Structures are given as structure tokens and as C-alpha cells.
Amino acid sequence: MVKGIDNELIYFIVSHHINHFLNVKKMAKHDYESHMILSTVYTHFLYQTITLGKSLSWTEVFDETETEDHKILMKDKKLTIFAVAENLSIPQETVRRKLEKLIEVTSSAFGDVKATFY
């Protein structure tokens, strides 16, 4: 049997995605749609750093989210509920409700984060 690199790569990517969701679900105790909303917000941030020409390591990405530059960038390049809903093909009201819950949970764990979500 000939191994296909593409098949293996796809298998590992999908397996990683499943394992990542299971770990996040266990730690954060939220559902799949909430997980995908957070993933969409995260990819929006990453895309904005890429378009600025920033090349960040894994550690630098997380450090960058704590900077004033990040706050300004996210204020200038807002990700709307409409955009998230369109991207995930789910109703805007569902996104709004789940973001509200995520903000509530995150705020209780990390302090006020409402400015992060628009």
C-alpha cells in the first residue's frame, strides 16, 4: 500500500482539530459553536497580523494579544457578529447569545473583556 502524504496530512489536521476541541471543551466547558466562534475571532486576529506583515512565533502570538497594539488593531479592524455568523453559517442571534455567554464566563475568570468583542 502506498502512503499518501496528502491523506496523512489531512488525517493529522482533522485529528488535531478533534483533540483540540475535546481539550478545550473539558477545560472551558463550552459547546462546539462557541468553540468555532472563538476560533473565528482568533483567525481574524491572526489574519490582521499577517496583513500587517508581522511574522510571529507561537509564543509571540499570545504575547501580542496583551499589547496596546493589539487593542488598537482590534478596535480598528472590528469583527462583527454579522461577519462571524456569515463565516460559520449560523444565525446572528446565536452568535450574539453565545458571545454574551463567553464574555460572562471569560470576565469572571480573567476580568473585564467586553472591549474584545464587538
N, C-alpha and C. Protein backbone atom coordinates (compact mmCIF):
# COMPACT_ATOMS: atom_id res chain seq x y z
N MET A 1 0.83 -1.18 0.00
CA MET A 1 0.00 0.00 0.00
C MET A 1 0.88 1.25 0.00
N VAL A 2 0.58 2.17 -0.87
CA VAL A 2 1.34 3.41 -0.98
C VAL A 2 0.71 4.46 -0.08
N LYS A 3 1.54 5.03 0.77
CA LYS A 3 1.05 6.07 1.66
C LYS A 3 0.98 7.39 0.92
N GLY A 4 -0.12 8.10 1.12
CA GLY A 4 -0.24 9.42 0.52
C GLY A 4 0.06 10.49 1.54
N ILE A 5 0.99 11.35 1.22
CA ILE A 5 1.33 12.42 2.15
C ILE A 5 0.12 13.30 2.40
N ASP A 6 -0.64 13.60 1.34
CA ASP A 6 -1.82 14.44 1.50
C ASP A 6 -2.84 13.80 2.43
N ASN A 7 -3.07 12.51 2.27
CA ASN A 7 -4.02 11.81 3.15
C ASN A 7 -3.56 11.86 4.60
N GLU A 8 -2.29 11.62 4.81
CA GLU A 8 -1.76 11.65 6.18
C GLU A 8 -1.86 13.04 6.77
N LEU A 9 -1.53 14.04 5.99
CA LEU A 9 -1.61 15.41 6.48
C LEU A 9 -3.05 15.77 6.85
N ILE A 10 -3.98 15.45 5.99
CA ILE A 10 -5.39 15.72 6.28
C ILE A 10 -5.83 14.97 7.53
N TYR A 11 -5.44 13.70 7.64
CA TYR A 11 -5.78 12.91 8.81
C TYR A 11 -5.27 13.57 10.09
N PHE A 12 -4.01 14.00 10.10
CA PHE A 12 -3.43 14.60 11.30
C PHE A 12 -4.06 15.96 11.61
N ILE A 13 -4.38 16.72 10.59
CA ILE A 13 -5.03 18.01 10.82
C ILE A 13 -6.41 17.81 11.44
N VAL A 14 -7.20 16.91 10.87
CA VAL A 14 -8.54 16.65 11.39
C VAL A 14 -8.46 16.05 12.80
N SER A 15 -7.55 15.13 13.02
CA SER A 15 -7.38 14.54 14.35
C SER A 15 -6.97 15.60 15.36
N HIS A 16 -6.07 16.47 14.96
CA HIS A 16 -5.66 17.56 15.85
C HIS A 16 -6.84 18.45 16.18
N HIS A 17 -7.65 18.77 15.19
CA HIS A 17 -8.82 19.62 15.41
C HIS A 17 -9.79 18.97 16.41
N ILE A 18 -10.03 17.70 16.26
CA ILE A 18 -10.94 16.97 17.17
C ILE A 18 -10.35 16.97 18.58
N ASN A 19 -9.08 16.62 18.71
CA ASN A 19 -8.44 16.58 20.03
C ASN A 19 -8.41 17.96 20.67
N HIS A 20 -8.14 18.97 19.87
CA HIS A 20 -8.13 20.33 20.40
C HIS A 20 -9.50 20.70 20.95
N PHE A 21 -10.55 20.42 20.19
CA PHE A 21 -11.90 20.72 20.66
C PHE A 21 -12.20 19.98 21.96
N LEU A 22 -11.87 18.70 22.03
CA LEU A 22 -12.15 17.92 23.24
C LEU A 22 -11.42 18.48 24.45
N ASN A 23 -10.17 18.91 24.25
CA ASN A 23 -9.41 19.51 25.36
C ASN A 23 -10.01 20.84 25.79
N VAL A 24 -10.36 21.67 24.82
CA VAL A 24 -10.95 22.97 25.14
C VAL A 24 -12.31 22.78 25.81
N LYS A 25 -13.09 21.83 25.31
CA LYS A 25 -14.40 21.55 25.90
C LYS A 25 -14.26 21.15 27.36
N LYS A 26 -13.27 20.32 27.64
CA LYS A 26 -13.03 19.87 29.01
C LYS A 26 -12.60 21.04 29.90
N MET A 27 -11.71 21.88 29.38
CA MET A 27 -11.19 22.99 30.18
C MET A 27 -12.18 24.15 30.28
N ALA A 28 -12.76 24.56 29.16
CA ALA A 28 -13.60 25.75 29.14
C ALA A 28 -15.08 25.44 29.29
N LYS A 29 -15.44 24.19 29.12
CA LYS A 29 -16.82 23.73 29.26
C LYS A 29 -17.80 24.51 28.37
N HIS A 30 -17.44 24.61 27.09
CA HIS A 30 -18.38 25.22 26.16
C HIS A 30 -18.63 24.31 24.97
N ASP A 31 -19.65 24.64 24.19
CA ASP A 31 -20.10 23.79 23.10
C ASP A 31 -19.31 24.06 21.82
N TYR A 32 -19.61 23.27 20.80
CA TYR A 32 -18.86 23.35 19.55
C TYR A 32 -19.03 24.69 18.85
N GLU A 33 -20.26 25.22 18.81
CA GLU A 33 -20.47 26.51 18.15
C GLU A 33 -19.67 27.62 18.85
N SER A 34 -19.64 27.60 20.17
CA SER A 34 -18.84 28.59 20.90
C SER A 34 -17.36 28.42 20.57
N HIS A 35 -16.93 27.19 20.47
CA HIS A 35 -15.54 26.90 20.11
C HIS A 35 -15.23 27.47 18.72
N MET A 36 -16.14 27.29 17.79
CA MET A 36 -15.92 27.79 16.43
C MET A 36 -15.97 29.31 16.39
N ILE A 37 -16.80 29.93 17.21
CA ILE A 37 -16.83 31.39 17.30
C ILE A 37 -15.48 31.90 17.80
N LEU A 38 -14.96 31.28 18.85
CA LEU A 38 -13.64 31.67 19.37
C LEU A 38 -12.55 31.45 18.33
N SER A 39 -12.64 30.35 17.59
CA SER A 39 -11.66 30.07 16.54
C SER A 39 -11.73 31.13 15.44
N THR A 40 -12.94 31.58 15.13
CA THR A 40 -13.12 32.63 14.12
C THR A 40 -12.51 33.95 14.59
N VAL A 41 -12.73 34.28 15.86
CA VAL A 41 -12.14 35.50 16.42
C VAL A 41 -10.62 35.40 16.38
N TYR A 42 -10.10 34.25 16.74
CA TYR A 42 -8.65 34.04 16.75
C TYR A 42 -8.06 34.15 15.34
N THR A 43 -8.72 33.52 14.36
CA THR A 43 -8.21 33.60 12.99
C THR A 43 -8.29 35.02 12.45
N HIS A 44 -9.30 35.77 12.88
CA HIS A 44 -9.40 37.18 12.48
C HIS A 44 -8.17 37.94 12.98
N PHE A 45 -7.82 37.73 14.22
CA PHE A 45 -6.64 38.37 14.79
C PHE A 45 -5.38 37.96 14.02
N LEU A 46 -5.22 36.65 13.77
CA LEU A 46 -4.05 36.17 13.05
C LEU A 46 -3.98 36.77 11.65
N TYR A 47 -5.12 36.83 10.98
CA TYR A 47 -5.16 37.40 9.63
C TYR A 47 -4.71 38.86 9.65
N GLN A 48 -5.17 39.61 10.65
CA GLN A 48 -4.79 41.02 10.75
C GLN A 48 -3.28 41.16 10.96
N THR A 49 -2.67 40.29 11.76
CA THR A 49 -1.22 40.36 11.96
C THR A 49 -0.48 39.99 10.69
N ILE A 50 -1.01 39.04 9.93
CA ILE A 50 -0.38 38.63 8.67
C ILE A 50 -0.43 39.78 7.67
N THR A 51 -1.60 40.44 7.55
CA THR A 51 -1.72 41.54 6.59
C THR A 51 -0.82 42.72 6.96
N LEU A 52 -0.45 42.84 8.23
CA LEU A 52 0.48 43.89 8.66
C LEU A 52 1.93 43.49 8.41
N GLY A 53 2.12 42.24 7.95
CA GLY A 53 3.46 41.76 7.66
C GLY A 53 4.22 41.28 8.88
N LYS A 54 3.49 41.06 9.99
CA LYS A 54 4.16 40.57 11.20
C LYS A 54 4.34 39.06 11.11
N SER A 55 5.53 38.62 11.40
CA SER A 55 5.81 37.20 11.48
C SER A 55 6.02 36.88 12.96
N LEU A 56 5.06 36.16 13.53
CA LEU A 56 5.09 35.90 14.97
C LEU A 56 5.25 34.41 15.25
N SER A 57 6.05 34.10 16.25
CA SER A 57 6.17 32.71 16.70
C SER A 57 4.94 32.36 17.53
N TRP A 58 4.81 31.09 17.87
CA TRP A 58 3.69 30.62 18.69
C TRP A 58 3.58 31.44 19.97
N THR A 59 4.67 31.63 20.67
CA THR A 59 4.68 32.38 21.93
C THR A 59 4.38 33.85 21.70
N GLU A 60 4.96 34.41 20.65
CA GLU A 60 4.74 35.83 20.35
C GLU A 60 3.29 36.14 20.03
N VAL A 61 2.58 35.19 19.41
CA VAL A 61 1.16 35.41 19.10
C VAL A 61 0.39 35.67 20.38
N PHE A 62 0.61 34.84 21.39
CA PHE A 62 -0.11 35.00 22.65
C PHE A 62 0.34 36.26 23.39
N ASP A 63 1.63 36.57 23.34
CA ASP A 63 2.12 37.80 23.95
C ASP A 63 1.52 39.02 23.28
N GLU A 64 1.36 38.97 21.97
CA GLU A 64 0.82 40.09 21.19
C GLU A 64 -0.61 40.44 21.60
N THR A 65 -1.38 39.45 22.02
CA THR A 65 -2.77 39.72 22.39
C THR A 65 -2.89 40.57 23.66
N GLU A 66 -1.81 40.71 24.38
CA GLU A 66 -1.82 41.50 25.62
C GLU A 66 -1.32 42.93 25.41
N THR A 67 -0.97 43.29 24.18
CA THR A 67 -0.37 44.60 23.93
C THR A 67 -1.41 45.66 23.60
N GLU A 68 -1.00 46.91 23.74
CA GLU A 68 -1.85 48.04 23.33
C GLU A 68 -2.06 48.01 21.82
N ASP A 69 -1.04 47.59 21.07
CA ASP A 69 -1.17 47.49 19.61
C ASP A 69 -2.31 46.55 19.23
N HIS A 70 -2.43 45.47 19.97
CA HIS A 70 -3.50 44.51 19.71
C HIS A 70 -4.86 45.16 19.96
N LYS A 71 -4.99 45.87 21.05
CA LYS A 71 -6.26 46.53 21.37
C LYS A 71 -6.64 47.54 20.29
N ILE A 72 -5.66 48.30 19.82
CA ILE A 72 -5.91 49.29 18.76
C ILE A 72 -6.29 48.59 17.46
N LEU A 73 -5.54 47.54 17.12
CA LEU A 73 -5.82 46.78 15.90
C LEU A 73 -7.23 46.21 15.92
N MET A 74 -7.62 45.61 17.03
CA MET A 74 -8.94 45.00 17.11
C MET A 74 -10.05 46.06 17.14
N LYS A 75 -9.73 47.24 17.60
CA LYS A 75 -10.71 48.33 17.58
C LYS A 75 -10.87 48.86 16.16
N ASP A 76 -9.74 48.95 15.43
CA ASP A 76 -9.76 49.44 14.06
C ASP A 76 -10.32 48.41 13.08
N LYS A 77 -10.05 47.16 13.32
CA LYS A 77 -10.46 46.07 12.42
C LYS A 77 -11.48 45.18 13.12
N LYS A 78 -12.60 45.77 13.48
CA LYS A 78 -13.61 45.05 14.25
C LYS A 78 -14.13 43.84 13.49
N LEU A 79 -14.36 42.80 14.25
CA LEU A 79 -15.01 41.61 13.73
C LEU A 79 -16.44 41.66 14.24
N THR A 80 -17.38 41.76 13.34
CA THR A 80 -18.78 41.93 13.74
C THR A 80 -19.48 40.60 13.95
N ILE A 81 -20.56 40.66 14.68
CA ILE A 81 -21.41 39.47 14.87
C ILE A 81 -21.90 38.98 13.52
N PHE A 82 -22.26 39.91 12.64
CA PHE A 82 -22.71 39.55 11.29
C PHE A 82 -21.63 38.76 10.55
N ALA A 83 -20.38 39.23 10.61
CA ALA A 83 -19.28 38.55 9.91
C ALA A 83 -19.06 37.14 10.46
N VAL A 84 -19.10 37.00 11.77
CA VAL A 84 -18.92 35.68 12.38
C VAL A 84 -20.06 34.75 11.96
N ALA A 85 -21.29 35.26 12.00
CA ALA A 85 -22.46 34.46 11.62
C ALA A 85 -22.36 34.02 10.16
N GLU A 86 -21.97 34.93 9.29
CA GLU A 86 -21.82 34.59 7.88
C GLU A 86 -20.71 33.56 7.67
N ASN A 87 -19.61 33.76 8.34
CA ASN A 87 -18.47 32.86 8.20
C ASN A 87 -18.82 31.43 8.64
N LEU A 88 -19.61 31.32 9.71
CA LEU A 88 -19.94 30.00 10.26
C LEU A 88 -21.30 29.47 9.80
N SER A 89 -22.02 30.28 9.04
CA SER A 89 -23.36 29.91 8.56
C SER A 89 -24.29 29.54 9.71
N ILE A 90 -24.28 30.39 10.73
CA ILE A 90 -25.20 30.24 11.85
C ILE A 90 -25.90 31.58 12.07
N PRO A 91 -27.09 31.57 12.69
CA PRO A 91 -27.83 32.80 12.87
C PRO A 91 -27.08 33.84 13.73
N GLN A 92 -27.25 35.10 13.39
CA GLN A 92 -26.61 36.18 14.14
C GLN A 92 -27.02 36.14 15.61
N GLU A 93 -28.27 35.85 15.87
CA GLU A 93 -28.75 35.81 17.25
C GLU A 93 -28.02 34.73 18.04
N THR A 94 -27.72 33.62 17.42
CA THR A 94 -26.97 32.55 18.09
C THR A 94 -25.57 33.04 18.42
N VAL A 95 -24.93 33.72 17.48
CA VAL A 95 -23.59 34.26 17.73
C VAL A 95 -23.64 35.27 18.87
N ARG A 96 -24.61 36.17 18.83
CA ARG A 96 -24.73 37.19 19.87
C ARG A 96 -24.91 36.56 21.25
N ARG A 97 -25.81 35.59 21.33
CA ARG A 97 -26.09 34.92 22.60
C ARG A 97 -24.87 34.16 23.12
N LYS A 98 -24.17 33.47 22.23
CA LYS A 98 -23.00 32.70 22.65
C LYS A 98 -21.84 33.62 23.03
N LEU A 99 -21.69 34.73 22.31
CA LEU A 99 -20.66 35.71 22.69
C LEU A 99 -20.95 36.30 24.06
N GLU A 100 -22.22 36.58 24.31
CA GLU A 100 -22.61 37.10 25.62
C GLU A 100 -22.19 36.13 26.73
N LYS A 101 -22.46 34.85 26.52
CA LYS A 101 -22.10 33.82 27.49
C LYS A 101 -20.58 33.70 27.62
N LEU A 102 -19.87 33.72 26.49
CA LEU A 102 -18.41 33.64 26.53
C LEU A 102 -17.81 34.83 27.27
N ILE A 103 -18.37 36.01 27.04
CA ILE A 103 -17.89 37.21 27.74
C ILE A 103 -18.13 37.08 29.24
N GLU A 104 -19.30 36.57 29.60
CA GLU A 104 -19.64 36.38 31.02
C GLU A 104 -18.66 35.41 31.69
N VAL A 105 -18.43 34.29 31.05
CA VAL A 105 -17.53 33.26 31.59
C VAL A 105 -16.09 33.79 31.63
N THR A 106 -15.65 34.42 30.55
CA THR A 106 -14.29 34.92 30.48
C THR A 106 -14.06 36.06 31.47
N SER A 107 -15.04 36.94 31.59
CA SER A 107 -14.91 38.06 32.53
C SER A 107 -14.78 37.58 33.96
N SER A 108 -15.53 36.54 34.30
CA SER A 108 -15.45 36.03 35.66
C SER A 108 -14.09 35.37 35.93
N ALA A 109 -13.47 34.84 34.88
CA ALA A 109 -12.17 34.18 35.06
C ALA A 109 -10.99 35.14 34.89
N PHE A 110 -11.12 36.13 33.98
CA PHE A 110 -9.96 36.96 33.63
C PHE A 110 -10.19 38.45 33.80
N GLY A 111 -11.31 38.88 34.30
CA GLY A 111 -11.59 40.31 34.40
C GLY A 111 -12.40 40.78 33.20
N ASP A 112 -12.61 42.07 33.09
CA ASP A 112 -13.47 42.65 32.04
C ASP A 112 -12.85 42.45 30.66
N VAL A 113 -13.58 41.75 29.79
CA VAL A 113 -13.09 41.54 28.41
C VAL A 113 -14.08 42.02 27.37
N LYS A 114 -15.12 42.73 27.77
CA LYS A 114 -16.15 43.14 26.82
C LYS A 114 -15.59 43.93 25.65
N ALA A 115 -14.55 44.70 25.87
CA ALA A 115 -13.98 45.50 24.78
C ALA A 115 -13.40 44.64 23.67
N THR A 116 -13.14 43.38 23.95
CA THR A 116 -12.56 42.47 22.96
C THR A 116 -13.57 42.10 21.88
N PHE A 117 -14.84 42.02 22.23
CA PHE A 117 -15.87 41.57 21.31
C PHE A 117 -16.75 42.72 20.86
N TYR A 118 -17.05 42.77 19.56
CA TYR A 118 -17.91 43.82 19.01
C TYR A 118 -19.07 43.20 18.29
